[in-house]
Amino acid sequence: MKDIRKIRRPGWAGAAARGLTAAAVGMGAAELAAGALGRPGSAPVLAVGAGFVDLTPVWLKDVAIRRFGSDDKTVLLLGLAAGIAVIAAAIGSLSRFRARRGLAGLAVLGAVGVLAALTRPTAEPWDALPSVVGTAAGMAALVLLTRTANPATGPDAAARRRVLLTGAGLTVAAVAAGAAGRLLARRGDVAGVRAGLRLPPPRGSARPVPDGAQVRAPGMPSFTTSNADFYRVDTALTLPQVDPRDWTLRIHGLVARPVELSFADLLGLPLVERDITLACVSNQVGGDLAGNARWLGAPLAGLLRRAGVRAGADQILSRGADGMTLSTPLAAVLDGRDALVAVGMNGEPLPVAHGFPARLVVPGLYGYVSATKWVVDLKVTRFATDRAYWTRRGYAERAPVKTFSRIDVPRPFARVRAGRVVVAGTAWAQHRGVVAVEWQVDDGPWRAAQLAPVPGPDTWRQWAAEWDAAPGSHTLRVRAADGTGRTQPAHRAPPFPDGATGRHSVVVTVV
């Protein structure tokens, strides 16, 4: 270190560039180490990102989901990368005065990565290794770059060439290491296993979707949401790769007979198919964080009865392979509804992004209390004893889906021609069913819409009406009534803590 301190101070830009290059080398080496371990989530960027998700306040989470939807994780990682770049440039600038300061800055970054990796729900001691390896590589790169920049070893022009060549070489090495780490991480990719999996036919088929369930109007969503278009909201920055050959589901807690099932055991049970709409609690009024699919799975109530639920239990605390915990009211599973441990979605094995090889689907409840992906553990317990991830953050323990309706056609701020105009949309009140939809123009009277037929009360329901539109600017509103006779309230409330309320409206211009 003594000879490093004697080096003439470089310019600010050069010092910042060296910090960026050193950080890139560290990140690449960490990715390589994480890939070699087969634990991509232990890479510092992903580990810190996951920790950031856990610490994000509810209001900011809702803003991110509302603004970016399923792209929220990409935006988070891009923002994190930008933040690391700024910090790395600052660390490089610190090394302009004394190399030890830059090395200390990299050590602090590495310590943050270690802490983030070791505090993940599924952490193992060796998850600290990628951050340690990355820190060591970054520090070595900073020392090398600083020494290479010493003009005392030759003319300034030659020194600049050495710095550029060394920096370029280290950058290429960083990119290569990162790419190699990603390739190594794919060793655990279960896409091939999923592609070769053949699910058994259901012993209890779903009711046929009636003719007319799909409203034929341009711009209307499909009654059955494709797997590719189905919304995804979860906290996983890297998708868990769970091999069904190694998967087990454990049912324990307040039960008489703990149960453990392999995937083969699960497929050997009498599986049923059901059309069920899922909805996210973060959905805003008029939002699209809902989807309808045909699910194949084993009835969850039967598995719980097999285990023998003890008196006093009121909660199922479920855990996914990513460490996420969700809490489901036990009564909502045992009341006769089609709660499933699902293995199939729209005629194929669950996509990895939607919980392969198995997940929970409980109609009538928001996803954060019912739809555990990559499920591996069910603990029968009490709300007074165990709290899940979202309830610890202030969300409601019991969260039945609220009656919702939206206008899909025409779109907000659309320009339509005067005359006969189709107004159509979607409404849902899972497990209660939608029995009526009414719509309104400006502040005029509420008018009954025509309801499309549905296979049962657990799916959403499309509706349509015709409007004799007069020229000018108009506001269209919609409200629905569910099977209990309750009409969707007008009062607007945000999603936190148990789902948004309010009536959707769109403004259109008739020309």
Protein backbone atom coordinates (compact mmCIF):
# COMPACT_ATOMS: atom_id res chain seq x y z
CA MET A 1 0.00 0.00 0.00
CA LYS A 2 2.93 2.36 0.61
CA ASP A 3 3.80 2.70 -3.08
CA ILE A 4 0.13 3.25 -3.98
CA ARG A 5 -0.07 6.32 -1.73
CA LYS A 6 2.89 7.88 -3.54
CA ILE A 7 1.11 7.81 -6.88
CA ARG A 8 0.27 11.21 -8.30
CA ARG A 9 -3.37 12.03 -7.85
CA PRO A 10 -5.35 11.26 -11.02
CA GLY A 11 -8.16 13.45 -12.33
CA TRP A 12 -11.67 13.15 -10.92
CA ALA A 13 -13.08 11.54 -14.07
CA GLY A 14 -10.31 8.96 -14.21
CA ALA A 15 -10.67 8.10 -10.55
CA ALA A 16 -14.46 7.72 -10.89
CA ALA A 17 -13.98 5.48 -13.93
CA ARG A 18 -11.64 3.27 -11.95
CA GLY A 19 -14.23 2.94 -9.23
CA LEU A 20 -16.88 1.95 -11.77
CA THR A 21 -14.57 -0.62 -13.35
CA ALA A 22 -13.62 -2.10 -9.99
CA ALA A 23 -17.30 -2.38 -9.01
CA ALA A 24 -18.10 -4.05 -12.33
CA VAL A 25 -15.34 -6.60 -11.74
CA GLY A 26 -16.69 -7.25 -8.26
CA MET A 27 -20.26 -7.72 -9.49
CA GLY A 28 -19.13 -10.03 -12.28
CA ALA A 29 -17.06 -12.16 -9.92
CA ALA A 30 -19.99 -12.31 -7.46
CA GLU A 31 -22.37 -13.45 -10.23
CA LEU A 32 -19.87 -16.15 -11.18
CA ALA A 33 -19.60 -17.34 -7.59
CA ALA A 34 -23.40 -17.33 -7.14
CA GLY A 35 -23.82 -19.31 -10.35
CA ALA A 36 -21.16 -21.82 -9.32
CA LEU A 37 -22.99 -22.31 -6.01
CA GLY A 38 -26.26 -22.79 -7.83
CA ARG A 39 -27.84 -20.02 -5.75
CA PRO A 40 -28.33 -17.04 -8.08
CA GLY A 41 -30.34 -15.17 -5.47
CA SER A 42 -27.21 -14.85 -3.31
CA ALA A 43 -25.60 -12.52 -5.87
CA PRO A 44 -25.31 -9.13 -4.14
CA VAL A 45 -27.51 -7.17 -6.56
CA LEU A 46 -30.39 -9.63 -6.17
CA ALA A 47 -29.88 -10.06 -2.43
CA VAL A 48 -29.82 -6.31 -1.81
CA GLY A 49 -32.78 -5.85 -4.16
CA ALA A 50 -34.79 -8.45 -2.24
CA GLY A 51 -33.93 -6.72 1.02
CA PHE A 52 -35.03 -3.41 -0.47
CA VAL A 53 -38.37 -4.99 -1.41
CA ASP A 54 -38.84 -6.13 2.19
CA LEU A 55 -38.10 -2.64 3.52
CA THR A 56 -40.23 -0.79 0.96
CA PRO A 57 -43.15 1.02 2.64
CA VAL A 58 -46.64 0.00 1.58
CA TRP A 59 -47.43 3.28 -0.18
CA LEU A 60 -44.29 3.05 -2.33
CA LYS A 61 -45.04 -0.59 -3.22
CA ASP A 62 -48.52 0.38 -4.38
CA VAL A 63 -47.13 3.28 -6.42
CA ALA A 64 -44.61 0.96 -8.10
CA ILE A 65 -47.24 -1.67 -8.95
CA ARG A 66 -49.68 0.98 -10.19
CA ARG A 67 -47.03 2.68 -12.34
CA PHE A 68 -45.02 -0.27 -13.62
CA GLY A 69 -47.23 -3.34 -13.09
CA SER A 70 -45.35 -6.59 -13.75
CA ASP A 71 -42.27 -4.57 -14.77
CA ASP A 72 -41.77 -3.28 -11.23
CA LYS A 73 -38.91 -5.71 -10.55
CA THR A 74 -37.06 -4.70 -13.71
CA VAL A 75 -37.38 -1.05 -12.75
CA LEU A 76 -36.12 -1.84 -9.23
CA LEU A 77 -33.04 -3.68 -10.52
CA LEU A 78 -32.25 -0.92 -13.03
CA GLY A 79 -32.56 1.67 -10.27
CA LEU A 80 -30.36 -0.41 -7.99
CA ALA A 81 -27.74 -0.77 -10.73
CA ALA A 82 -27.78 3.00 -11.24
CA GLY A 83 -27.37 3.55 -7.51
CA ILE A 84 -24.42 1.16 -7.35
CA ALA A 85 -22.82 2.98 -10.28
CA VAL A 86 -23.08 6.31 -8.47
CA ILE A 87 -21.63 4.82 -5.28
CA ALA A 88 -18.84 3.13 -7.24
CA ALA A 89 -17.91 6.42 -8.92
CA ALA A 90 -17.82 8.08 -5.48
CA ILE A 91 -15.60 5.28 -4.16
CA GLY A 92 -13.25 5.77 -7.10
CA SER A 93 -13.13 9.48 -6.36
CA LEU A 94 -12.22 8.75 -2.73
CA SER A 95 -9.30 6.65 -3.92
CA ARG A 96 -7.94 9.72 -5.73
CA PHE A 97 -6.67 11.02 -2.40
CA ARG A 98 -5.81 7.76 -0.69
CA ALA A 99 -6.22 4.26 -2.07
CA ARG A 100 -7.23 2.89 1.31
CA ARG A 101 -10.38 5.00 1.26
CA GLY A 102 -11.50 3.42 -1.99
CA LEU A 103 -10.74 -0.06 -0.67
CA ALA A 104 -12.69 0.71 2.49
CA GLY A 105 -15.65 1.85 0.39
CA LEU A 106 -15.65 -1.41 -1.55
CA ALA A 107 -15.44 -3.33 1.71
CA VAL A 108 -18.54 -1.52 2.98
CA LEU A 109 -20.40 -2.40 -0.25
CA GLY A 110 -19.35 -6.01 0.20
CA ALA A 111 -20.54 -6.05 3.81
CA VAL A 112 -23.96 -4.79 2.70
CA GLY A 113 -24.13 -7.65 0.19
CA VAL A 114 -23.17 -10.22 2.83
CA LEU A 115 -25.76 -8.88 5.27
CA ALA A 116 -28.48 -8.89 2.61
CA ALA A 117 -27.69 -12.44 1.51
CA LEU A 118 -27.61 -13.85 5.04
CA THR A 119 -30.89 -12.25 6.07
CA ARG A 120 -32.98 -13.79 3.26
CA PRO A 121 -35.62 -16.28 4.50
CA THR A 122 -33.93 -19.24 2.77
CA ALA A 123 -30.33 -18.19 3.52
CA GLU A 124 -27.50 -20.65 4.08
CA PRO A 125 -24.05 -19.70 5.45
CA TRP A 126 -22.39 -20.05 2.04
CA ASP A 127 -24.72 -17.42 0.58
CA ALA A 128 -22.22 -14.88 1.91
CA LEU A 129 -19.52 -16.24 -0.41
CA PRO A 130 -20.50 -14.38 -3.63
CA SER A 131 -20.30 -10.99 -1.89
CA VAL A 132 -16.96 -11.91 -0.30
CA VAL A 133 -15.53 -13.08 -3.63
CA GLY A 134 -16.89 -10.01 -5.40
CA THR A 135 -15.43 -7.64 -2.81
CA ALA A 136 -11.99 -9.26 -3.05
CA ALA A 137 -12.07 -9.10 -6.87
CA GLY A 138 -13.20 -5.48 -6.86
CA MET A 139 -10.48 -4.46 -4.41
CA ALA A 140 -7.81 -6.25 -6.47
CA ALA A 141 -9.05 -4.51 -9.61
CA LEU A 142 -8.91 -1.08 -7.93
CA VAL A 143 -5.34 -1.68 -6.75
CA LEU A 144 -4.30 -2.83 -10.23
CA LEU A 145 -5.91 0.15 -11.93
CA THR A 146 -4.34 2.59 -9.49
CA ARG A 147 -0.87 1.16 -9.95
CA THR A 148 -1.26 1.04 -13.72
CA ALA A 149 -2.10 4.76 -13.72
CA ASN A 150 1.29 5.65 -12.11
CA PRO A 151 3.04 7.90 -14.66
CA ALA A 152 6.39 7.35 -12.93
CA THR A 153 6.76 4.05 -14.78
CA GLY A 154 6.80 5.66 -18.20
CA PRO A 155 5.63 8.62 -20.36
CA ASP A 156 2.12 9.97 -19.76
CA ALA A 157 0.90 8.74 -23.17
CA ALA A 158 2.12 5.24 -22.43
CA ALA A 159 0.54 5.38 -18.99
CA ARG A 160 -2.80 6.40 -20.46
CA ARG A 161 -2.64 3.53 -22.93
CA ARG A 162 -1.89 1.12 -20.09
CA VAL A 163 -4.81 2.43 -18.07
CA LEU A 164 -7.20 2.16 -21.03
CA LEU A 165 -6.04 -1.34 -21.94
CA THR A 166 -6.17 -2.53 -18.34
CA GLY A 167 -9.59 -0.98 -17.81
CA ALA A 168 -10.90 -2.49 -21.04
CA GLY A 169 -9.49 -5.90 -20.13
CA LEU A 170 -11.04 -5.80 -16.68
CA THR A 171 -14.38 -4.70 -18.11
CA VAL A 172 -14.38 -7.59 -20.58
CA ALA A 173 -13.47 -9.96 -17.75
CA ALA A 174 -16.32 -8.57 -15.63
CA VAL A 175 -18.86 -9.06 -18.41
CA ALA A 176 -17.55 -12.57 -19.14
CA ALA A 177 -17.69 -13.53 -15.47
CA GLY A 178 -21.23 -12.23 -15.13
CA ALA A 179 -22.36 -14.08 -18.27
CA ALA A 180 -20.67 -17.27 -17.09
CA GLY A 181 -22.41 -16.93 -13.74
CA ARG A 182 -25.79 -16.61 -15.44
CA LEU A 183 -25.07 -19.68 -17.57
CA LEU A 184 -24.04 -21.69 -14.50
CA ALA A 185 -27.20 -20.60 -12.71
CA ARG A 186 -29.24 -22.10 -15.54
CA ARG A 187 -28.07 -25.56 -14.53
CA GLY A 188 -30.98 -25.56 -12.11
CA ASP A 189 -33.48 -24.31 -14.68
CA VAL A 190 -36.55 -26.52 -14.59
CA ALA A 191 -37.99 -25.43 -17.94
CA GLY A 192 -36.92 -28.70 -19.55
CA VAL A 193 -38.42 -30.77 -16.74
CA ARG A 194 -41.66 -28.80 -16.99
CA ALA A 195 -41.79 -29.24 -20.76
CA GLY A 196 -41.55 -33.01 -20.39
CA LEU A 197 -44.17 -33.26 -17.63
CA ARG A 198 -47.53 -34.81 -18.48
CA LEU A 199 -50.32 -34.09 -16.03
CA PRO A 200 -53.04 -36.67 -15.43
CA PRO A 201 -56.57 -35.94 -16.66
CA PRO A 202 -58.94 -34.53 -14.05
CA ARG A 203 -61.37 -36.86 -12.32
CA GLY A 204 -63.67 -33.90 -11.80
CA SER A 205 -63.96 -31.68 -14.89
CA ALA A 206 -64.82 -28.03 -14.79
CA ARG A 207 -68.21 -26.88 -15.98
CA PRO A 208 -68.07 -25.93 -19.66
CA VAL A 209 -67.66 -22.22 -20.31
CA PRO A 210 -71.08 -21.19 -21.67
CA ASP A 211 -71.50 -19.81 -25.15
CA GLY A 212 -71.60 -16.05 -24.86
CA ALA A 213 -69.29 -15.81 -21.84
CA GLN A 214 -66.99 -13.78 -24.09
CA VAL A 215 -68.43 -10.40 -25.04
CA ARG A 216 -67.62 -9.85 -28.71
CA ALA A 217 -66.46 -6.26 -28.75
CA PRO A 218 -63.10 -4.90 -29.96
CA GLY A 219 -60.82 -4.28 -27.00
CA MET A 220 -62.50 -6.70 -24.59
CA PRO A 221 -60.15 -9.03 -22.67
CA SER A 222 -60.51 -12.78 -23.09
CA PHE A 223 -62.79 -14.57 -20.66
CA THR A 224 -59.93 -17.01 -20.04
CA THR A 225 -56.64 -15.20 -19.54
CA SER A 226 -53.70 -16.82 -21.31
CA ASN A 227 -50.77 -17.92 -19.19
CA ALA A 228 -48.55 -15.36 -20.92
CA ASP A 229 -50.95 -12.50 -20.14
CA PHE A 230 -51.86 -13.51 -16.60
CA TYR A 231 -50.78 -10.85 -14.13
CA ARG A 232 -47.81 -11.52 -11.85
CA VAL A 233 -47.28 -9.74 -8.53
CA ASP A 234 -44.81 -11.22 -6.04
CA THR A 235 -41.54 -10.30 -4.35
CA ALA A 236 -39.28 -12.83 -6.13
CA LEU A 237 -36.52 -11.05 -8.07
CA THR A 238 -35.30 -14.40 -9.37
CA LEU A 239 -37.80 -17.16 -10.04
CA PRO A 240 -37.40 -20.22 -7.79
CA GLN A 241 -36.40 -23.27 -9.82
CA VAL A 242 -38.11 -26.13 -7.99
CA ASP A 243 -37.58 -29.57 -9.49
CA PRO A 244 -40.79 -31.59 -9.03
CA ARG A 245 -38.67 -34.69 -8.47
CA ASP A 246 -37.32 -33.08 -5.30
CA TRP A 247 -40.50 -31.24 -4.28
CA THR A 248 -42.43 -32.15 -1.15
CA LEU A 249 -45.43 -30.58 0.55
CA ARG A 250 -45.47 -30.77 4.33
CA ILE A 251 -48.73 -30.33 6.29
CA HIS A 252 -48.14 -29.96 10.02
CA GLY A 253 -48.92 -27.85 13.06
CA LEU A 254 -52.28 -28.23 14.78
CA VAL A 255 -53.05 -31.54 13.09
CA ALA A 256 -53.50 -35.08 14.37
CA ARG A 257 -51.40 -36.70 11.62
CA PRO A 258 -48.69 -34.66 9.88
CA VAL A 259 -48.65 -35.34 6.15
CA GLU A 260 -45.81 -35.16 3.64
CA LEU A 261 -46.50 -35.54 -0.07
CA SER A 262 -44.15 -35.95 -3.02
CA PHE A 263 -45.14 -34.55 -6.40
CA ALA A 264 -45.95 -38.08 -7.57
CA ASP A 265 -48.19 -38.47 -4.51
CA LEU A 266 -49.96 -35.23 -5.38
CA LEU A 267 -50.54 -36.26 -9.00
CA GLY A 268 -51.91 -39.58 -7.76
CA LEU A 269 -54.74 -37.87 -5.88
CA PRO A 270 -58.15 -37.26 -7.48
CA LEU A 271 -57.45 -33.98 -9.30
CA VAL A 272 -60.18 -31.56 -10.35
CA GLU A 273 -60.36 -28.70 -12.84
CA ARG A 274 -62.01 -25.41 -11.94
CA ASP A 275 -62.35 -21.98 -13.56
CA ILE A 276 -61.29 -19.44 -10.94
CA THR A 277 -60.48 -15.74 -11.13
CA LEU A 278 -57.59 -14.45 -9.03
CA ALA A 279 -57.17 -10.81 -8.03
CA CYS A 280 -54.38 -8.85 -6.36
CA VAL A 281 -55.05 -6.68 -3.33
CA SER A 282 -52.93 -3.95 -4.94
CA ASN A 283 -55.39 -3.59 -7.81
CA GLN A 284 -56.63 -0.03 -8.17
CA VAL A 285 -60.19 0.84 -9.19
CA GLY A 286 -60.38 -0.05 -12.86
CA GLY A 287 -57.04 -1.88 -12.72
CA ASP A 288 -56.02 -5.05 -14.55
CA LEU A 289 -54.35 -7.02 -11.73
CA ALA A 290 -56.85 -9.84 -12.09
CA GLY A 291 -57.05 -12.86 -14.36
CA ASN A 292 -59.22 -15.89 -14.98
CA ALA A 293 -57.77 -19.35 -15.63
CA ARG A 294 -58.69 -23.02 -15.58
CA TRP A 295 -56.76 -24.60 -12.74
CA LEU A 296 -56.01 -28.30 -12.21
CA GLY A 297 -55.27 -29.42 -8.67
CA ALA A 298 -56.04 -31.46 -5.58
CA PRO A 299 -58.75 -30.16 -3.23
CA LEU A 300 -56.99 -28.56 -0.28
CA ALA A 301 -59.80 -29.32 2.16
CA GLY A 302 -59.35 -33.05 1.57
CA LEU A 303 -55.65 -32.85 2.38
CA LEU A 304 -56.38 -30.96 5.61
CA ARG A 305 -58.99 -33.50 6.66
CA ARG A 306 -56.49 -36.25 5.93
CA ALA A 307 -54.11 -34.56 8.37
CA GLY A 308 -56.88 -34.07 10.93
CA VAL A 309 -57.22 -30.40 11.91
CA ARG A 310 -57.25 -29.91 15.67
CA ALA A 311 -59.72 -27.70 17.54
CA GLY A 312 -58.68 -24.08 17.96
CA ALA A 313 -56.90 -23.72 14.60
CA ASP A 314 -58.04 -20.80 12.45
CA GLN A 315 -55.18 -20.19 10.01
CA ILE A 316 -53.10 -21.95 7.37
CA LEU A 317 -49.63 -20.42 7.28
CA SER A 318 -48.23 -21.41 3.90
CA ARG A 319 -44.63 -21.02 2.75
CA GLY A 320 -43.18 -20.99 -0.74
CA ALA A 321 -39.76 -22.19 -1.85
CA ASP A 322 -38.71 -18.52 -2.01
CA GLY A 323 -39.37 -18.13 1.72
CA MET A 324 -42.56 -16.09 1.27
CA THR A 325 -45.25 -16.78 3.87
CA LEU A 326 -48.97 -16.18 3.38
CA SER A 327 -51.83 -16.67 5.85
CA THR A 328 -55.18 -18.09 4.80
CA PRO A 329 -58.29 -18.23 7.00
CA LEU A 330 -58.91 -21.91 7.65
CA ALA A 331 -62.69 -21.48 7.48
CA ALA A 332 -62.43 -20.21 3.90
CA VAL A 333 -60.81 -23.48 2.85
CA LEU A 334 -63.19 -25.80 4.71
CA ASP A 335 -66.50 -24.12 3.76
CA GLY A 336 -66.96 -26.07 0.53
CA ARG A 337 -65.32 -23.73 -1.98
CA ASP A 338 -62.89 -25.13 -4.56
CA ALA A 339 -59.61 -24.35 -2.78
CA LEU A 340 -56.83 -26.20 -4.62
CA VAL A 341 -53.21 -27.21 -4.45
CA ALA A 342 -52.89 -26.45 -8.16
CA VAL A 343 -50.44 -28.14 -10.54
CA GLY A 344 -51.93 -27.04 -13.89
CA MET A 345 -53.03 -23.81 -15.51
CA ASN A 346 -55.05 -23.63 -18.72
CA GLY A 347 -54.28 -27.18 -19.75
CA GLU A 348 -50.53 -27.26 -19.06
CA PRO A 349 -48.22 -27.49 -16.04
CA LEU A 350 -48.00 -24.27 -14.06
CA PRO A 351 -45.56 -21.79 -15.62
CA VAL A 352 -42.50 -21.22 -13.43
CA ALA A 353 -43.54 -17.59 -12.96
CA HIS A 354 -46.90 -18.76 -11.61
CA GLY A 355 -45.64 -21.29 -9.09
CA PHE A 356 -44.39 -24.46 -10.79
CA PRO A 357 -44.62 -27.19 -9.67
CA ALA A 358 -47.46 -26.37 -7.23
CA ARG A 359 -49.29 -23.38 -5.77
CA LEU A 360 -52.40 -22.57 -3.79
CA VAL A 361 -55.58 -21.22 -5.37
CA VAL A 362 -58.43 -20.22 -3.06
CA PRO A 363 -61.39 -18.48 -4.74
CA GLY A 364 -62.85 -15.44 -3.06
CA LEU A 365 -59.68 -14.24 -1.32
CA TYR A 366 -57.06 -11.77 -2.48
CA GLY A 367 -53.83 -13.39 -3.58
CA TYR A 368 -51.79 -12.22 -0.62
CA VAL A 369 -53.83 -14.47 1.68
CA SER A 370 -54.48 -17.37 -0.65
CA ALA A 371 -52.29 -17.82 -3.71
CA THR A 372 -48.91 -19.06 -2.45
CA LYS A 373 -46.59 -19.86 -5.36
CA TRP A 374 -43.98 -22.62 -5.25
CA VAL A 375 -45.74 -23.86 -2.12
CA VAL A 376 -43.79 -26.36 0.01
CA ASP A 377 -45.19 -26.03 3.54
CA LEU A 378 -48.63 -25.70 5.15
CA LYS A 379 -48.72 -25.06 8.88
CA VAL A 380 -52.14 -25.28 10.51
CA THR A 381 -51.99 -22.70 13.28
CA ARG A 382 -53.69 -19.63 14.77
CA PHE A 383 -53.63 -15.98 13.75
CA ALA A 384 -52.76 -15.16 17.36
CA THR A 385 -49.64 -17.34 17.12
CA ASP A 386 -48.14 -16.86 13.65
CA ARG A 387 -48.12 -13.86 11.34
CA ALA A 388 -47.31 -13.97 7.64
CA TYR A 389 -45.20 -11.64 5.50
CA TRP A 390 -47.96 -9.20 4.52
CA THR A 391 -49.86 -9.21 7.81
CA ARG A 392 -46.63 -8.23 9.57
CA ARG A 393 -46.68 -5.19 7.30
CA GLY A 394 -50.14 -4.13 8.34
CA TYR A 395 -52.37 -5.80 5.77
CA ALA A 396 -55.62 -7.38 6.97
CA GLU A 397 -55.56 -10.98 8.19
CA ARG A 398 -58.76 -11.90 6.38
CA ALA A 399 -59.18 -10.40 2.94
CA PRO A 400 -62.23 -11.47 0.93
CA VAL A 401 -62.20 -10.06 -2.59
CA LYS A 402 -64.35 -6.94 -2.84
CA THR A 403 -66.98 -6.55 -5.53
CA PHE A 404 -65.27 -4.92 -8.48
CA SER A 405 -66.29 -3.74 -11.94
CA ARG A 406 -64.54 -1.87 -14.69
CA ILE A 407 -65.20 -0.43 -18.13
CA ASP A 408 -62.97 -2.05 -20.75
CA VAL A 409 -64.67 -0.53 -23.82
CA PRO A 410 -64.41 2.32 -24.66
CA ARG A 411 -60.98 3.10 -23.24
CA PRO A 412 -60.32 6.23 -21.16
CA PHE A 413 -60.07 9.39 -23.30
CA ALA A 414 -61.23 7.49 -26.38
CA ARG A 415 -62.81 9.40 -29.28
CA VAL A 416 -65.93 7.67 -30.61
CA ARG A 417 -68.41 8.53 -33.30
CA ALA A 418 -71.87 9.75 -32.36
CA GLY A 419 -74.61 7.16 -32.55
CA ARG A 420 -74.79 3.58 -31.32
CA VAL A 421 -71.70 2.80 -29.15
CA VAL A 422 -70.94 -0.46 -27.33
CA VAL A 423 -70.07 -0.03 -23.65
CA ALA A 424 -68.66 -3.22 -22.09
CA GLY A 425 -66.47 -4.44 -19.31
CA THR A 426 -65.73 -6.99 -16.62
CA ALA A 427 -66.94 -7.47 -13.05
CA TRP A 428 -66.00 -9.92 -10.30
CA ALA A 429 -67.01 -10.93 -6.80
CA GLN A 430 -65.44 -14.38 -6.48
CA HIS A 431 -67.36 -16.98 -4.47
CA ARG A 432 -70.35 -14.63 -4.22
CA GLY A 433 -70.86 -14.08 -7.92
CA VAL A 434 -71.92 -10.98 -9.85
CA VAL A 435 -75.72 -10.79 -10.22
CA ALA A 436 -76.13 -7.30 -11.70
CA VAL A 437 -74.12 -4.55 -13.39
CA GLU A 438 -75.37 -1.01 -13.93
CA TRP A 439 -73.80 1.82 -15.90
CA GLN A 440 -74.31 5.57 -16.03
CA VAL A 441 -73.66 8.43 -18.42
CA ASP A 442 -72.58 11.63 -16.71
CA ASP A 443 -74.96 12.06 -13.75
CA GLY A 444 -77.92 10.45 -15.42
CA PRO A 445 -79.91 7.42 -14.25
CA TRP A 446 -78.29 4.04 -13.69
CA ARG A 447 -79.06 1.59 -16.48
CA ALA A 448 -78.96 -2.22 -16.34
CA ALA A 449 -76.29 -3.89 -18.47
CA GLN A 450 -76.64 -7.28 -20.09
CA LEU A 451 -74.65 -9.94 -18.24
CA ALA A 452 -72.77 -12.67 -20.07
CA PRO A 453 -73.26 -16.23 -18.73
CA VAL A 454 -70.55 -17.78 -16.55
CA PRO A 455 -69.71 -21.33 -15.42
CA GLY A 456 -69.98 -20.44 -11.73
CA PRO A 457 -69.61 -17.76 -9.04
CA ASP A 458 -65.81 -18.05 -8.81
CA THR A 459 -65.08 -16.38 -12.16
CA TRP A 460 -65.35 -12.85 -13.35
CA ARG A 461 -68.30 -11.89 -15.51
CA GLN A 462 -68.38 -9.78 -18.63
CA TRP A 463 -71.15 -7.30 -19.36
CA ALA A 464 -72.26 -5.10 -22.25
CA ALA A 465 -74.70 -2.35 -23.14
CA GLU A 466 -75.51 -0.06 -26.07
CA TRP A 467 -75.38 3.71 -25.82
CA ASP A 468 -76.88 6.30 -28.13
CA ALA A 469 -73.95 8.68 -27.81
CA ALA A 470 -74.45 12.38 -28.41
CA PRO A 471 -71.54 14.68 -29.34
CA GLY A 472 -69.49 16.13 -26.52
CA SER A 473 -67.41 15.00 -23.55
CA HIS A 474 -69.04 12.36 -21.35
CA THR A 475 -68.20 10.42 -18.21
CA LEU A 476 -69.20 6.75 -18.07
CA ARG A 477 -69.44 4.95 -14.72
CA VAL A 478 -70.13 1.37 -13.67
CA ARG A 479 -71.14 -0.47 -10.51
CA ALA A 480 -71.86 -4.14 -9.75
CA ALA A 481 -73.92 -6.07 -7.23
CA ASP A 482 -72.88 -9.45 -5.83
CA GLY A 483 -74.75 -12.56 -4.80
CA THR A 484 -75.34 -11.22 -1.28
CA GLY A 485 -77.28 -8.27 -2.70
CA ARG A 486 -74.60 -5.70 -1.88
CA THR A 487 -73.81 -3.02 -4.43
CA GLN A 488 -70.28 -1.84 -5.07
CA PRO A 489 -69.73 1.28 -2.93
CA ALA A 490 -69.08 4.70 -4.44
CA HIS A 491 -66.53 5.72 -1.80
CA ARG A 492 -62.94 5.43 -3.05
CA ALA A 493 -60.38 3.84 -0.75
CA PRO A 494 -56.79 2.79 -1.50
CA PRO A 495 -55.73 -0.88 -1.67
CA PHE A 496 -54.13 -0.89 1.79
CA PRO A 497 -55.02 -2.68 4.04
CA ASP A 498 -57.67 -4.97 2.50
CA GLY A 499 -58.36 -3.90 -1.09
CA ALA A 500 -59.50 -0.80 -2.95
CA THR A 501 -63.10 0.32 -3.20
CA GLY A 502 -64.87 2.74 -5.54
CA ARG A 503 -66.56 2.87 -8.92
CA HIS A 504 -64.64 2.95 -12.16
CA SER A 505 -65.26 5.79 -14.59
CA VAL A 506 -63.89 6.80 -17.99
CA VAL A 507 -64.09 10.05 -19.88
CA VAL A 508 -64.74 9.80 -23.62
CA THR A 509 -65.24 12.33 -26.41
CA VAL A 510 -68.05 11.77 -28.87
CA VAL A 511 -67.52 13.41 -32.29
